[in-house]
Every structure is written in C-alpha cells, then in structure tokens.
C-alpha cells in the first residue's frame, strides 16, 4: 500500500528530469521548490534556456512588483522562473 498520491511519482520524475536537463544544457539553477513545482534559474541563462527548451515553452507570463519582474514559463508541466529588473513602462 502506498501513502503517496498516484500522480506524485510522475510529477517528481518530470521535475527531476527537467532539472537535470537544464543543468546538462548549462542553465544555472538557482533554487528548486518541488512543493510548488517551480525551478528558479539565473536571469543570465534565459537566452540559453530559450534556445535549448524554446520548443517546449508553454504559458508565458510575468508580473511586476516594484522594481522586479517575475518571469514564468512552463516547460513539461514545471514552472521555470527568473527575476529581472522592471522596465519603466512595465510599472
């Protein structure tokens, strides 16, 4: 008998696989939040991430709070996030 939800192993596998693939591609992973299904990457690696995983990007969105913009894309069902400085017209 398992105490884990049926989808847990699938979600964990996808999360770990994407983390591994990003690191293998040279993308700097700054923080992992499995409970929230989020991988935070260095803003310096966004171009590299876009080139390597661009065909898998889904759900592009952003939110500006103060002087920071939180950019989020979904890849393989996992949110990939990086922070950037807000542009004046975004505020």
N, C-alpha and C. Protein backbone atom coordinates (compact mmCIF):
# COMPACT_ATOMS: atom_id res chain seq x y z
N UNK A 1 0.85 -1.17 0.00
CA UNK A 1 0.00 0.00 0.00
C UNK A 1 0.90 1.24 0.00
N UNK A 2 0.52 2.24 -0.79
CA UNK A 2 1.28 3.48 -0.90
C UNK A 2 0.53 4.61 -0.22
N UNK A 3 1.29 5.44 0.47
CA UNK A 3 0.66 6.61 1.10
C UNK A 3 0.78 7.85 0.22
N UNK A 4 1.47 7.70 -0.93
CA UNK A 4 1.65 8.82 -1.84
C UNK A 4 0.52 8.85 -2.88
N UNK A 5 0.17 10.04 -3.30
CA UNK A 5 -0.83 10.18 -4.36
C UNK A 5 -0.28 9.55 -5.64
N UNK A 6 -1.16 9.04 -6.47
CA UNK A 6 -0.76 8.37 -7.71
C UNK A 6 0.06 9.26 -8.63
N UNK A 7 -0.26 10.56 -8.65
CA UNK A 7 0.45 11.47 -9.55
C UNK A 7 1.81 11.91 -9.01
N UNK A 8 2.09 11.66 -7.73
CA UNK A 8 3.35 12.13 -7.13
C UNK A 8 4.59 11.60 -7.86
N UNK A 9 4.73 10.30 -8.10
CA UNK A 9 5.94 9.82 -8.78
C UNK A 9 6.11 10.40 -10.19
N UNK A 10 5.01 10.62 -10.89
CA UNK A 10 5.07 11.19 -12.25
C UNK A 10 5.54 12.63 -12.18
N UNK A 11 4.98 13.39 -11.24
CA UNK A 11 5.36 14.80 -11.06
C UNK A 11 6.83 14.91 -10.63
N UNK A 12 7.25 14.07 -9.71
CA UNK A 12 8.64 14.08 -9.24
C UNK A 12 9.60 13.73 -10.36
N UNK A 13 9.25 12.76 -11.17
CA UNK A 13 10.09 12.34 -12.29
C UNK A 13 10.25 13.49 -13.30
N UNK A 14 9.16 14.15 -13.65
CA UNK A 14 9.21 15.26 -14.61
C UNK A 14 10.04 16.41 -14.05
N UNK A 15 9.86 16.71 -12.77
CA UNK A 15 10.59 17.80 -12.12
C UNK A 15 12.10 17.51 -12.13
N UNK A 16 12.46 16.31 -11.69
CA UNK A 16 13.88 15.93 -11.64
C UNK A 16 14.50 15.86 -13.03
N UNK A 17 13.76 15.34 -13.99
CA UNK A 17 14.28 15.23 -15.36
C UNK A 17 14.54 16.61 -15.97
N UNK A 18 13.61 17.54 -15.79
CA UNK A 18 13.80 18.89 -16.31
C UNK A 18 14.98 19.57 -15.62
N UNK A 19 15.09 19.41 -14.31
CA UNK A 19 16.21 20.00 -13.57
C UNK A 19 17.53 19.46 -14.11
N UNK A 20 17.61 18.16 -14.30
CA UNK A 20 18.82 17.53 -14.85
C UNK A 20 19.13 18.03 -16.25
N UNK A 21 18.11 18.08 -17.11
CA UNK A 21 18.30 18.53 -18.49
C UNK A 21 18.75 19.99 -18.55
N UNK A 22 18.20 20.82 -17.66
CA UNK A 22 18.61 22.23 -17.64
C UNK A 22 20.07 22.34 -17.23
N UNK A 23 20.45 21.64 -16.20
CA UNK A 23 21.85 21.69 -15.75
C UNK A 23 22.78 21.14 -16.83
N UNK A 24 22.38 20.05 -17.47
CA UNK A 24 23.20 19.48 -18.56
C UNK A 24 23.36 20.46 -19.71
N UNK A 25 22.35 21.31 -19.94
CA UNK A 25 22.40 22.30 -21.02
C UNK A 25 23.21 23.53 -20.63
N UNK A 26 23.61 23.62 -19.37
CA UNK A 26 24.39 24.77 -18.91
C UNK A 26 23.58 25.87 -18.26
N UNK A 27 22.29 25.64 -18.05
CA UNK A 27 21.43 26.63 -17.40
C UNK A 27 21.70 26.57 -15.89
N UNK A 28 21.95 27.73 -15.29
CA UNK A 28 22.22 27.79 -13.86
C UNK A 28 20.91 27.75 -13.08
N UNK A 29 20.72 26.67 -12.33
CA UNK A 29 19.54 26.52 -11.49
C UNK A 29 19.88 27.14 -10.14
N UNK A 30 19.14 28.17 -9.76
CA UNK A 30 19.42 28.88 -8.51
C UNK A 30 18.67 28.30 -7.31
N UNK A 31 17.46 27.81 -7.55
CA UNK A 31 16.64 27.31 -6.44
C UNK A 31 15.59 26.36 -6.98
N UNK A 32 15.29 25.34 -6.19
CA UNK A 32 14.24 24.38 -6.54
C UNK A 32 13.17 24.42 -5.47
N UNK A 33 11.91 24.44 -5.89
CA UNK A 33 10.78 24.38 -4.97
C UNK A 33 9.82 23.31 -5.47
N UNK A 34 10.11 22.07 -5.13
CA UNK A 34 9.30 20.97 -5.64
C UNK A 34 7.85 21.08 -5.17
N UNK A 35 7.64 21.46 -3.92
CA UNK A 35 6.28 21.54 -3.38
C UNK A 35 5.40 22.47 -4.22
N UNK A 36 6.01 23.54 -4.78
CA UNK A 36 5.27 24.50 -5.60
C UNK A 36 5.50 24.27 -7.09
N UNK A 37 6.28 23.22 -7.43
CA UNK A 37 6.55 22.85 -8.83
C UNK A 37 7.25 23.98 -9.59
N UNK A 38 8.30 24.55 -8.94
CA UNK A 38 9.00 25.70 -9.52
C UNK A 38 10.51 25.49 -9.53
N UNK A 39 11.12 25.87 -10.64
CA UNK A 39 12.57 25.89 -10.78
C UNK A 39 12.96 27.34 -11.07
N UNK A 40 13.82 27.90 -10.24
CA UNK A 40 14.30 29.27 -10.43
C UNK A 40 15.66 29.20 -11.12
N UNK A 41 15.81 29.98 -12.19
CA UNK A 41 17.07 29.99 -12.93
C UNK A 41 17.69 31.38 -12.89
N UNK A 42 18.97 31.44 -13.23
CA UNK A 42 19.67 32.72 -13.31
C UNK A 42 19.14 33.51 -14.51
N UNK A 43 18.91 34.79 -14.34
CA UNK A 43 18.46 35.60 -15.49
C UNK A 43 19.51 35.65 -16.60
N UNK A 44 20.76 35.38 -16.27
CA UNK A 44 21.82 35.35 -17.28
C UNK A 44 21.71 34.15 -18.21
N UNK A 45 20.89 33.18 -17.85
CA UNK A 45 20.76 31.94 -18.63
C UNK A 45 19.47 31.88 -19.45
N UNK A 46 18.70 32.96 -19.47
CA UNK A 46 17.41 32.95 -20.15
C UNK A 46 17.57 32.68 -21.65
N UNK A 47 18.54 33.32 -22.30
CA UNK A 47 18.74 33.07 -23.74
C UNK A 47 19.11 31.62 -24.00
N UNK A 48 20.00 31.07 -23.18
CA UNK A 48 20.38 29.66 -23.31
C UNK A 48 19.18 28.75 -23.10
N UNK A 49 18.39 29.02 -22.06
CA UNK A 49 17.20 28.23 -21.79
C UNK A 49 16.22 28.32 -22.96
N UNK A 50 16.06 29.52 -23.53
CA UNK A 50 15.14 29.71 -24.66
C UNK A 50 15.60 28.93 -25.89
N UNK A 51 16.90 28.95 -26.16
CA UNK A 51 17.42 28.21 -27.31
C UNK A 51 17.26 26.71 -27.12
N UNK A 52 17.55 26.23 -25.94
CA UNK A 52 17.54 24.79 -25.69
C UNK A 52 16.13 24.23 -25.49
N UNK A 53 15.26 24.99 -24.85
CA UNK A 53 13.93 24.49 -24.48
C UNK A 53 12.80 25.28 -25.12
N UNK A 54 13.11 26.18 -26.05
CA UNK A 54 12.11 27.06 -26.65
C UNK A 54 10.93 26.33 -27.26
N UNK A 55 11.18 25.19 -27.86
CA UNK A 55 10.08 24.43 -28.49
C UNK A 55 9.15 23.80 -27.46
N UNK A 56 9.54 23.83 -26.18
CA UNK A 56 8.72 23.23 -25.12
C UNK A 56 8.04 24.28 -24.24
N UNK A 57 8.28 25.56 -24.51
CA UNK A 57 7.72 26.63 -23.68
C UNK A 57 6.20 26.69 -23.79
N UNK A 58 5.55 26.80 -22.65
CA UNK A 58 4.10 26.96 -22.59
C UNK A 58 3.79 27.99 -21.51
N UNK A 59 2.67 28.63 -21.62
CA UNK A 59 2.17 29.51 -20.56
C UNK A 59 3.13 30.61 -20.15
N UNK A 60 3.60 31.41 -21.08
CA UNK A 60 4.49 32.52 -20.76
C UNK A 60 3.70 33.60 -20.04
N UNK A 61 4.23 34.05 -18.89
CA UNK A 61 3.56 35.10 -18.13
C UNK A 61 4.58 35.85 -17.28
N UNK A 62 4.18 37.02 -16.82
CA UNK A 62 5.06 37.82 -15.98
C UNK A 62 4.22 38.71 -15.07
N UNK A 63 4.84 39.11 -13.96
CA UNK A 63 4.19 40.02 -13.02
C UNK A 63 5.25 40.95 -12.46
N UNK A 64 4.96 42.23 -12.49
CA UNK A 64 5.89 43.23 -11.97
C UNK A 64 5.41 43.71 -10.62
N UNK A 65 6.34 43.68 -9.66
CA UNK A 65 6.08 44.19 -8.32
C UNK A 65 7.27 45.07 -7.97
N UNK A 66 6.99 46.36 -7.79
CA UNK A 66 8.07 47.29 -7.50
C UNK A 66 9.03 47.37 -8.68
N UNK A 67 10.29 47.11 -8.41
CA UNK A 67 11.31 47.21 -9.45
C UNK A 67 11.69 45.85 -10.04
N UNK A 68 11.00 44.80 -9.67
CA UNK A 68 11.33 43.46 -10.15
C UNK A 68 10.18 42.87 -10.95
N UNK A 69 10.55 42.15 -11.99
CA UNK A 69 9.56 41.40 -12.77
C UNK A 69 9.85 39.92 -12.59
N UNK A 70 8.82 39.19 -12.24
CA UNK A 70 8.92 37.73 -12.09
C UNK A 70 8.41 37.14 -13.40
N UNK A 71 9.32 36.55 -14.16
CA UNK A 71 9.02 35.95 -15.46
C UNK A 71 8.83 34.45 -15.26
N UNK A 72 7.77 33.91 -15.84
CA UNK A 72 7.49 32.49 -15.67
C UNK A 72 7.11 31.87 -17.01
N UNK A 73 7.69 30.71 -17.28
CA UNK A 73 7.28 29.89 -18.41
C UNK A 73 7.05 28.48 -17.87
N UNK A 74 6.24 27.73 -18.55
CA UNK A 74 6.02 26.35 -18.15
C UNK A 74 6.67 25.44 -19.17
N UNK A 75 7.48 24.53 -18.69
CA UNK A 75 8.16 23.54 -19.52
C UNK A 75 7.88 22.18 -18.91
N UNK A 76 7.29 21.29 -19.69
CA UNK A 76 6.98 19.92 -19.24
C UNK A 76 6.14 19.92 -17.96
N UNK A 77 5.29 20.93 -17.82
CA UNK A 77 4.40 21.00 -16.66
C UNK A 77 5.04 21.61 -15.43
N UNK A 78 6.28 22.08 -15.53
CA UNK A 78 7.00 22.68 -14.41
C UNK A 78 7.19 24.17 -14.70
N UNK A 79 6.94 25.02 -13.70
CA UNK A 79 7.16 26.46 -13.87
C UNK A 79 8.65 26.77 -13.73
N UNK A 80 9.18 27.46 -14.73
CA UNK A 80 10.57 27.92 -14.70
C UNK A 80 10.52 29.43 -14.55
N UNK A 81 11.22 29.95 -13.54
CA UNK A 81 11.08 31.35 -13.15
C UNK A 81 12.45 32.02 -13.09
N UNK A 82 12.47 33.29 -13.51
CA UNK A 82 13.65 34.13 -13.30
C UNK A 82 13.17 35.53 -13.01
N UNK A 83 13.97 36.25 -12.25
CA UNK A 83 13.64 37.62 -11.88
C UNK A 83 14.48 38.58 -12.72
N UNK A 84 13.88 39.68 -13.11
CA UNK A 84 14.59 40.70 -13.87
C UNK A 84 14.17 42.07 -13.36
N UNK A 85 14.97 43.07 -13.71
CA UNK A 85 14.63 44.44 -13.35
C UNK A 85 13.45 44.88 -14.21
N UNK A 86 12.50 45.57 -13.61
CA UNK A 86 11.33 46.04 -14.34
C UNK A 86 11.71 47.20 -15.23
N UNK A 87 11.13 47.24 -16.40
CA UNK A 87 11.29 48.38 -17.30
C UNK A 87 10.32 49.46 -16.84
N UNK A 88 10.67 50.71 -17.09
CA UNK A 88 9.80 51.82 -16.64
C UNK A 88 8.39 51.68 -17.14
N UNK A 89 8.19 51.30 -18.41
CA UNK A 89 6.83 51.22 -18.93
C UNK A 89 6.04 50.07 -18.34
N UNK A 90 6.70 49.08 -17.69
CA UNK A 90 6.01 47.97 -17.05
C UNK A 90 5.42 48.36 -15.70
N UNK A 91 5.89 49.44 -15.11
CA UNK A 91 5.49 49.78 -13.73
C UNK A 91 4.17 50.47 -13.66
